[in-house]
């Protein structure tokens, strides 16, 4: 039936500031930047994976009414949007250091996990992003119980 997820959207409060962060600091590329009249269709992608785009969407019209958009903006700035996405890397620690040198602020340093090494950050709007270096091929897949134990749940 389905063969791919091509687009995912996250809310941002300012699309130009989002470009500065995602393209300027994280090194992603602009996939599409189109003025549709009623909205700006602005997508980014990892340069090595251009078939998967993230829409940087403003909360409010045309997707919702202005009152709902205001509520979404308030929740977003509090970090309530949850995990936006996970970026994969071959070397989490080196990526962490390179991004810190570009001024990216992290909420969690690289940490050994049952599934590899990962770290966390928030974009300027409160979206949570994780960067993961997967465990080597052939490493055992952690069970749900091991994951819960590792995260203290």
N, C-alpha and C. Protein backbone atom coordinates (compact mmCIF):
# COMPACT_ATOMS: atom_id res chain seq x y z
N UNK A 1 0.83 -1.19 0.00
CA UNK A 1 0.00 0.00 0.00
C UNK A 1 0.88 1.26 0.00
N UNK A 2 1.58 1.54 1.10
CA UNK A 2 2.47 2.71 1.17
C UNK A 2 3.90 2.28 0.90
N UNK A 3 4.72 3.20 0.41
CA UNK A 3 6.12 2.86 0.21
C UNK A 3 7.09 3.87 0.80
N UNK A 4 6.59 4.98 1.39
CA UNK A 4 7.51 5.94 1.99
C UNK A 4 6.73 7.02 2.72
N UNK A 5 7.40 7.66 3.66
CA UNK A 5 6.94 8.93 4.22
C UNK A 5 7.80 9.99 3.54
N UNK A 6 7.18 10.89 2.82
CA UNK A 6 7.95 11.88 2.08
C UNK A 6 8.04 13.22 2.79
N UNK A 7 7.02 13.57 3.57
CA UNK A 7 6.99 14.86 4.25
C UNK A 7 6.51 14.68 5.69
N UNK A 8 7.05 15.48 6.54
CA UNK A 8 6.64 15.56 7.94
C UNK A 8 6.65 17.04 8.26
N UNK A 9 5.78 17.51 9.14
CA UNK A 9 5.79 18.94 9.45
C UNK A 9 6.06 19.17 10.92
N UNK A 10 6.72 20.28 11.20
CA UNK A 10 6.89 20.75 12.57
C UNK A 10 6.49 22.21 12.58
N UNK A 11 6.03 22.65 13.73
CA UNK A 11 5.69 24.06 13.88
C UNK A 11 6.92 24.86 14.27
N UNK A 12 7.05 26.01 13.65
CA UNK A 12 8.07 27.00 14.00
C UNK A 12 7.37 28.35 14.13
N UNK A 13 7.98 29.26 14.85
CA UNK A 13 7.36 30.57 15.05
C UNK A 13 7.80 31.59 14.02
N UNK A 14 8.93 31.34 13.37
CA UNK A 14 9.46 32.25 12.36
C UNK A 14 10.22 31.41 11.34
N UNK A 15 9.76 31.41 10.10
CA UNK A 15 10.37 30.55 9.09
C UNK A 15 11.79 30.98 8.73
N UNK A 16 12.07 32.27 8.72
CA UNK A 16 13.43 32.71 8.40
C UNK A 16 14.40 32.33 9.51
N UNK A 17 13.97 32.48 10.76
CA UNK A 17 14.81 32.05 11.89
C UNK A 17 15.00 30.53 11.85
N UNK A 18 13.96 29.81 11.45
CA UNK A 18 14.07 28.36 11.32
C UNK A 18 15.11 27.99 10.26
N UNK A 19 15.12 28.71 9.14
CA UNK A 19 16.14 28.47 8.12
C UNK A 19 17.54 28.71 8.65
N UNK A 20 17.71 29.81 9.39
CA UNK A 20 19.03 30.10 9.97
C UNK A 20 19.49 28.94 10.84
N UNK A 21 18.57 28.37 11.62
CA UNK A 21 18.94 27.28 12.51
C UNK A 21 19.16 25.98 11.75
N UNK A 22 18.16 25.54 11.00
CA UNK A 22 18.23 24.22 10.37
C UNK A 22 19.25 24.15 9.23
N UNK A 23 19.36 25.21 8.46
CA UNK A 23 20.31 25.22 7.35
C UNK A 23 21.66 25.76 7.82
N UNK A 24 21.64 26.93 8.48
CA UNK A 24 22.88 27.57 8.89
C UNK A 24 23.65 26.85 9.97
N UNK A 25 22.93 26.30 10.96
CA UNK A 25 23.62 25.64 12.08
C UNK A 25 23.66 24.12 11.96
N UNK A 26 22.53 23.51 11.61
CA UNK A 26 22.50 22.05 11.53
C UNK A 26 23.02 21.50 10.21
N UNK A 27 23.10 22.35 9.17
CA UNK A 27 23.65 21.90 7.90
C UNK A 27 22.67 21.20 6.98
N UNK A 28 21.38 21.37 7.25
CA UNK A 28 20.38 20.79 6.36
C UNK A 28 20.26 21.69 5.13
N UNK A 29 19.51 21.26 4.14
CA UNK A 29 19.36 22.06 2.91
C UNK A 29 17.90 22.42 2.70
N UNK A 30 17.69 23.51 1.99
CA UNK A 30 16.33 23.91 1.62
C UNK A 30 15.89 23.00 0.48
N UNK A 31 14.78 22.32 0.66
CA UNK A 31 14.25 21.46 -0.39
C UNK A 31 13.29 22.25 -1.27
N UNK A 32 12.36 22.99 -0.63
CA UNK A 32 11.40 23.81 -1.36
C UNK A 32 11.12 25.08 -0.56
N UNK A 33 10.99 26.17 -1.27
CA UNK A 33 10.61 27.44 -0.65
C UNK A 33 9.70 28.14 -1.65
N UNK A 34 8.39 27.97 -1.45
CA UNK A 34 7.42 28.42 -2.43
C UNK A 34 6.35 29.27 -1.73
N UNK A 35 6.08 30.44 -2.29
CA UNK A 35 5.00 31.28 -1.80
C UNK A 35 3.71 30.83 -2.47
N UNK A 36 2.82 30.23 -1.68
CA UNK A 36 1.56 29.74 -2.23
C UNK A 36 0.46 30.79 -2.13
N UNK A 37 0.80 31.98 -1.67
CA UNK A 37 -0.19 33.03 -1.49
C UNK A 37 -0.82 32.98 -0.12
N UNK A 38 -1.41 31.86 0.22
CA UNK A 38 -2.05 31.70 1.53
C UNK A 38 -1.08 31.18 2.58
N UNK A 39 0.09 30.70 2.13
CA UNK A 39 1.13 30.23 3.05
C UNK A 39 2.44 30.07 2.30
N UNK A 40 3.51 30.01 3.07
CA UNK A 40 4.85 29.73 2.52
C UNK A 40 5.12 28.25 2.74
N UNK A 41 5.32 27.52 1.65
CA UNK A 41 5.66 26.09 1.71
C UNK A 41 7.18 26.02 1.76
N UNK A 42 7.69 25.81 2.98
CA UNK A 42 9.13 25.82 3.21
C UNK A 42 9.53 24.48 3.79
N UNK A 43 10.32 23.72 3.02
CA UNK A 43 10.76 22.42 3.50
C UNK A 43 12.28 22.34 3.50
N UNK A 44 12.78 21.53 4.43
CA UNK A 44 14.21 21.26 4.54
C UNK A 44 14.42 19.76 4.44
N UNK A 45 15.66 19.37 4.19
CA UNK A 45 15.99 17.95 4.12
C UNK A 45 17.45 17.77 4.50
N UNK A 46 17.79 16.56 4.90
CA UNK A 46 19.18 16.19 5.08
C UNK A 46 19.75 16.08 3.66
N UNK A 47 20.88 16.73 3.37
CA UNK A 47 21.39 16.71 1.99
C UNK A 47 21.55 15.32 1.39
N UNK A 48 21.90 14.33 2.20
CA UNK A 48 22.08 12.97 1.67
C UNK A 48 20.77 12.19 1.55
N UNK A 49 19.65 12.80 1.96
CA UNK A 49 18.35 12.12 1.91
C UNK A 49 17.27 13.11 1.45
N UNK A 50 17.39 13.63 0.22
CA UNK A 50 16.47 14.68 -0.23
C UNK A 50 15.02 14.22 -0.42
N UNK A 51 14.75 12.94 -0.40
CA UNK A 51 13.39 12.45 -0.58
C UNK A 51 12.52 12.54 0.66
N UNK A 52 13.11 12.91 1.79
CA UNK A 52 12.35 13.07 3.03
C UNK A 52 12.47 14.52 3.47
N UNK A 53 11.35 15.22 3.41
CA UNK A 53 11.35 16.65 3.70
C UNK A 53 10.58 16.95 4.98
N UNK A 54 11.02 18.00 5.67
CA UNK A 54 10.34 18.48 6.86
C UNK A 54 9.78 19.86 6.54
N UNK A 55 8.47 20.00 6.65
CA UNK A 55 7.80 21.28 6.42
C UNK A 55 7.93 22.12 7.68
N UNK A 56 8.46 23.33 7.54
CA UNK A 56 8.58 24.28 8.65
C UNK A 56 7.34 25.15 8.60
N UNK A 57 6.35 24.78 9.40
CA UNK A 57 5.01 25.34 9.29
C UNK A 57 4.72 26.32 10.43
N UNK A 58 4.06 27.41 10.08
CA UNK A 58 3.62 28.38 11.08
C UNK A 58 2.29 27.93 11.66
N UNK A 59 2.14 27.92 13.00
CA UNK A 59 0.84 27.55 13.57
C UNK A 59 -0.20 28.63 13.29
N UNK A 60 -1.40 28.22 13.00
CA UNK A 60 -2.47 29.16 12.70
C UNK A 60 -2.99 28.95 11.30
N UNK A 61 -3.68 29.95 10.76
CA UNK A 61 -4.25 29.81 9.42
C UNK A 61 -3.16 29.53 8.39
N UNK A 62 -3.41 28.70 7.38
CA UNK A 62 -4.69 28.13 6.99
C UNK A 62 -5.02 26.80 7.68
N UNK A 63 -4.08 26.21 8.43
CA UNK A 63 -4.33 24.90 9.03
C UNK A 63 -5.33 24.96 10.17
N UNK A 64 -5.28 26.00 10.98
CA UNK A 64 -6.19 26.15 12.11
C UNK A 64 -6.62 27.61 12.21
N UNK A 65 -7.58 27.87 13.08
CA UNK A 65 -7.97 29.26 13.31
C UNK A 65 -6.89 29.95 14.16
N UNK A 66 -6.95 31.25 14.23
CA UNK A 66 -5.92 32.02 14.94
C UNK A 66 -5.86 31.70 16.42
N UNK A 67 -7.01 31.50 17.07
CA UNK A 67 -7.02 31.19 18.50
C UNK A 67 -6.30 29.86 18.78
N UNK A 68 -6.57 28.87 17.96
CA UNK A 68 -5.88 27.59 18.12
C UNK A 68 -4.39 27.75 17.83
N UNK A 69 -4.06 28.54 16.81
CA UNK A 69 -2.66 28.82 16.50
C UNK A 69 -1.94 29.45 17.68
N UNK A 70 -2.60 30.35 18.38
CA UNK A 70 -1.99 30.99 19.56
C UNK A 70 -1.74 29.95 20.65
N UNK A 71 -2.66 29.03 20.84
CA UNK A 71 -2.47 27.97 21.83
C UNK A 71 -1.29 27.08 21.45
N UNK A 72 -1.19 26.74 20.18
CA UNK A 72 -0.09 25.90 19.70
C UNK A 72 1.23 26.63 19.91
N UNK A 73 1.29 27.91 19.59
CA UNK A 73 2.52 28.69 19.79
C UNK A 73 2.93 28.68 21.25
N UNK A 74 1.97 28.84 22.14
CA UNK A 74 2.27 28.84 23.58
C UNK A 74 2.82 27.49 24.02
N UNK A 75 2.18 26.41 23.60
CA UNK A 75 2.65 25.07 23.97
C UNK A 75 4.02 24.77 23.36
N UNK A 76 4.23 25.20 22.14
CA UNK A 76 5.50 24.95 21.46
C UNK A 76 6.66 25.57 22.23
N UNK A 77 6.52 26.81 22.65
CA UNK A 77 7.61 27.49 23.35
C UNK A 77 7.89 26.86 24.71
N UNK A 78 6.94 26.08 25.23
CA UNK A 78 7.15 25.38 26.50
C UNK A 78 7.77 23.99 26.29
N UNK A 79 8.03 23.63 25.04
CA UNK A 79 8.61 22.32 24.75
C UNK A 79 7.60 21.19 24.78
N UNK A 80 6.32 21.51 24.70
CA UNK A 80 5.28 20.50 24.82
C UNK A 80 5.00 19.74 23.52
N UNK A 81 5.67 20.09 22.45
CA UNK A 81 5.40 19.43 21.17
C UNK A 81 5.96 18.02 21.11
N UNK A 82 6.83 17.67 22.03
CA UNK A 82 7.42 16.34 22.02
C UNK A 82 8.55 16.23 21.01
N UNK A 83 8.91 15.01 20.71
CA UNK A 83 10.03 14.74 19.81
C UNK A 83 9.63 15.07 18.38
N UNK A 84 10.36 15.98 17.76
CA UNK A 84 10.08 16.36 16.37
C UNK A 84 10.61 15.29 15.41
N UNK A 85 11.88 14.94 15.56
CA UNK A 85 12.48 13.90 14.74
C UNK A 85 13.83 13.52 15.29
N UNK A 86 14.39 12.43 14.75
CA UNK A 86 15.71 11.94 15.12
C UNK A 86 16.58 11.98 13.88
N UNK A 87 17.75 12.56 14.02
CA UNK A 87 18.74 12.59 12.94
C UNK A 87 19.78 11.51 13.21
N UNK A 88 20.20 10.82 12.18
CA UNK A 88 21.19 9.76 12.32
C UNK A 88 22.56 10.27 11.90
N UNK A 89 23.59 9.80 12.59
CA UNK A 89 24.97 10.18 12.27
C UNK A 89 25.88 8.98 12.48
N UNK A 90 27.04 9.01 11.85
CA UNK A 90 28.02 7.94 12.05
C UNK A 90 28.85 8.16 13.30
N UNK A 91 28.91 9.41 13.81
CA UNK A 91 29.72 9.73 14.99
C UNK A 91 29.01 10.81 15.80
N UNK A 92 28.25 10.39 16.78
CA UNK A 92 27.44 11.32 17.58
C UNK A 92 28.31 12.33 18.31
N UNK A 93 29.41 11.88 18.89
CA UNK A 93 30.25 12.79 19.67
C UNK A 93 30.90 13.87 18.78
N UNK A 94 31.37 13.49 17.61
CA UNK A 94 31.97 14.46 16.70
C UNK A 94 30.91 15.44 16.18
N UNK A 95 29.71 14.93 15.89
CA UNK A 95 28.62 15.80 15.43
C UNK A 95 28.24 16.78 16.53
N UNK A 96 28.15 16.30 17.75
CA UNK A 96 27.85 17.15 18.90
C UNK A 96 28.87 18.29 19.01
N UNK A 97 30.15 17.96 18.94
CA UNK A 97 31.20 18.98 19.06
C UNK A 97 31.14 19.99 17.90
N UNK A 98 30.92 19.50 16.69
CA UNK A 98 30.84 20.39 15.52
C UNK A 98 29.66 21.35 15.65
N UNK A 99 28.51 20.84 16.08
CA UNK A 99 27.33 21.69 16.22
C UNK A 99 27.47 22.66 17.39
N UNK A 100 28.09 22.23 18.47
CA UNK A 100 28.34 23.15 19.59
C UNK A 100 29.21 24.31 19.13
N UNK A 101 30.20 24.02 18.28
CA UNK A 101 31.08 25.06 17.76
C UNK A 101 30.31 26.06 16.89
N UNK A 102 29.18 25.62 16.32
CA UNK A 102 28.33 26.51 15.52
C UNK A 102 27.29 27.24 16.36
N UNK A 103 27.31 27.01 17.67
CA UNK A 103 26.40 27.71 18.56
C UNK A 103 25.12 26.97 18.90
N UNK A 104 25.02 25.70 18.54
CA UNK A 104 23.84 24.92 18.88
C UNK A 104 23.91 24.58 20.37
N UNK A 105 22.80 24.81 21.07
CA UNK A 105 22.72 24.50 22.49
C UNK A 105 22.01 23.16 22.67
N UNK A 106 22.62 22.30 23.44
CA UNK A 106 22.09 20.95 23.65
C UNK A 106 21.42 20.84 25.01
N UNK A 107 20.43 19.97 25.08
CA UNK A 107 19.76 19.69 26.34
C UNK A 107 20.31 18.41 26.97
N UNK A 108 21.05 17.65 26.19
CA UNK A 108 21.64 16.40 26.68
C UNK A 108 22.90 16.10 25.89
N UNK A 109 23.99 15.80 26.58
CA UNK A 109 25.26 15.46 25.94
C UNK A 109 25.19 14.04 25.38
N UNK A 110 26.13 13.67 24.49
CA UNK A 110 26.15 12.30 23.98
C UNK A 110 26.23 11.29 25.12
N UNK A 111 25.35 10.30 25.04
CA UNK A 111 25.23 9.30 26.10
C UNK A 111 25.09 7.92 25.48
N UNK A 112 25.77 6.94 26.06
CA UNK A 112 25.63 5.54 25.62
C UNK A 112 24.22 5.07 25.97
N UNK A 113 23.55 4.49 25.01
CA UNK A 113 22.20 3.95 25.19
C UNK A 113 22.20 2.50 24.71
N UNK A 114 21.17 1.75 25.03
CA UNK A 114 21.11 0.37 24.53
C UNK A 114 21.10 0.29 23.00
N UNK A 115 20.66 1.33 22.34
CA UNK A 115 20.55 1.32 20.87
C UNK A 115 21.67 2.08 20.18
N UNK A 116 22.62 2.63 20.93
CA UNK A 116 23.73 3.38 20.35
C UNK A 116 24.11 4.55 21.22
N UNK A 117 24.59 5.63 20.61
CA UNK A 117 24.96 6.85 21.32
C UNK A 117 24.04 7.95 20.81
N UNK A 118 23.48 8.74 21.73
CA UNK A 118 22.67 9.85 21.24
C UNK A 118 22.75 11.05 22.18
N UNK A 119 22.27 12.17 21.66
CA UNK A 119 22.23 13.43 22.40
C UNK A 119 20.95 14.15 21.99
N UNK A 120 20.65 15.26 22.68
CA UNK A 120 19.39 15.95 22.42
C UNK A 120 19.59 17.45 22.41
N UNK A 121 18.73 18.12 21.64
CA UNK A 121 18.72 19.58 21.57
C UNK A 121 17.31 20.03 21.31
N UNK A 122 17.09 21.31 21.44
CA UNK A 122 15.83 21.93 21.05
C UNK A 122 16.14 23.01 20.05
N UNK A 123 15.25 23.16 19.08
CA UNK A 123 15.42 24.25 18.13
C UNK A 123 14.99 25.55 18.83
N UNK A 124 15.14 26.70 18.18
CA UNK A 124 14.80 27.96 18.84
C UNK A 124 13.34 28.09 19.24
N UNK A 125 12.49 27.17 18.81
CA UNK A 125 11.06 27.27 19.05
C UNK A 125 10.57 26.26 20.09
N UNK A 126 11.44 25.35 20.51
CA UNK A 126 11.07 24.36 21.52
C UNK A 126 10.93 22.94 20.99
N UNK A 127 11.06 22.74 19.68
CA UNK A 127 10.98 21.38 19.12
C UNK A 127 12.17 20.56 19.60
N UNK A 128 11.90 19.35 20.07
CA UNK A 128 12.95 18.47 20.55
C UNK A 128 13.48 17.62 19.40
N UNK A 129 14.80 17.55 19.32
CA UNK A 129 15.48 16.80 18.26
C UNK A 129 16.54 15.92 18.92
N UNK A 130 16.63 14.69 18.47
CA UNK A 130 17.69 13.81 18.95
C UNK A 130 18.61 13.50 17.78
N UNK A 131 19.88 13.29 18.12
CA UNK A 131 20.89 12.88 17.15
C UNK A 131 21.42 11.55 17.64
N UNK A 132 21.35 10.53 16.79
CA UNK A 132 21.69 9.17 17.20
C UNK A 132 22.72 8.54 16.30
N UNK A 133 23.70 7.92 16.93
CA UNK A 133 24.67 7.05 16.26
C UNK A 133 24.22 5.63 16.59
N UNK A 134 23.61 4.94 15.64
CA UNK A 134 23.09 3.61 15.94
C UNK A 134 24.20 2.65 16.39
N UNK A 135 23.80 1.67 17.22
CA UNK A 135 24.74 0.63 17.65
C UNK A 135 25.26 -0.10 16.41
N UNK A 136 26.45 -0.65 16.50
CA UNK A 136 27.01 -1.36 15.35
C UNK A 136 26.09 -2.48 14.87
N UNK A 137 26.17 -2.76 13.58
CA UNK A 137 25.39 -3.86 13.01
C UNK A 137 25.70 -5.14 13.76
N UNK A 138 24.67 -5.91 14.04
CA UNK A 138 24.86 -7.17 14.75
C UNK A 138 24.74 -7.03 16.26
N UNK A 139 24.70 -5.79 16.77
CA UNK A 139 24.51 -5.60 18.21
C UNK A 139 23.10 -6.05 18.57
N UNK A 140 22.94 -6.63 19.75
CA UNK A 140 21.59 -7.09 20.12
C UNK A 140 20.61 -5.93 20.25
N UNK A 141 19.41 -6.15 19.78
CA UNK A 141 18.35 -5.14 19.90
C UNK A 141 17.83 -5.17 21.33
N UNK A 142 17.81 -4.00 22.00
CA UNK A 142 17.33 -4.00 23.38
C UNK A 142 15.84 -4.32 23.45
N UNK A 143 15.46 -5.01 24.51
CA UNK A 143 14.05 -5.33 24.73
C UNK A 143 13.36 -4.10 25.29
N UNK A 144 12.04 -4.05 25.23
CA UNK A 144 11.32 -2.93 25.85
C UNK A 144 11.65 -2.79 27.34
N UNK A 145 11.84 -3.92 28.02
CA UNK A 145 12.17 -3.87 29.45
C UNK A 145 13.55 -3.23 29.67
N UNK A 146 14.53 -3.57 28.82
CA UNK A 146 15.87 -2.97 28.93
C UNK A 146 15.81 -1.47 28.65
N UNK A 147 15.01 -1.09 27.69
CA UNK A 147 14.87 0.35 27.38
C UNK A 147 14.24 1.07 28.57
N UNK A 148 13.19 0.50 29.14
CA UNK A 148 12.52 1.13 30.29
C UNK A 148 13.48 1.23 31.47
N UNK A 149 14.25 0.19 31.71
CA UNK A 149 15.21 0.20 32.81
C UNK A 149 16.28 1.27 32.57
N UNK A 150 16.75 1.35 31.35
CA UNK A 150 17.80 2.33 31.03
C UNK A 150 17.30 3.76 31.26
N UNK A 151 16.06 4.02 30.91
CA UNK A 151 15.51 5.36 31.05
C UNK A 151 14.82 5.58 32.39
N UNK A 152 14.96 4.62 33.31
CA UNK A 152 14.43 4.77 34.66
C UNK A 152 12.93 4.77 34.75
N UNK A 153 12.28 3.98 33.94
CA UNK A 153 10.80 3.93 33.98
C UNK A 153 10.31 2.59 34.42
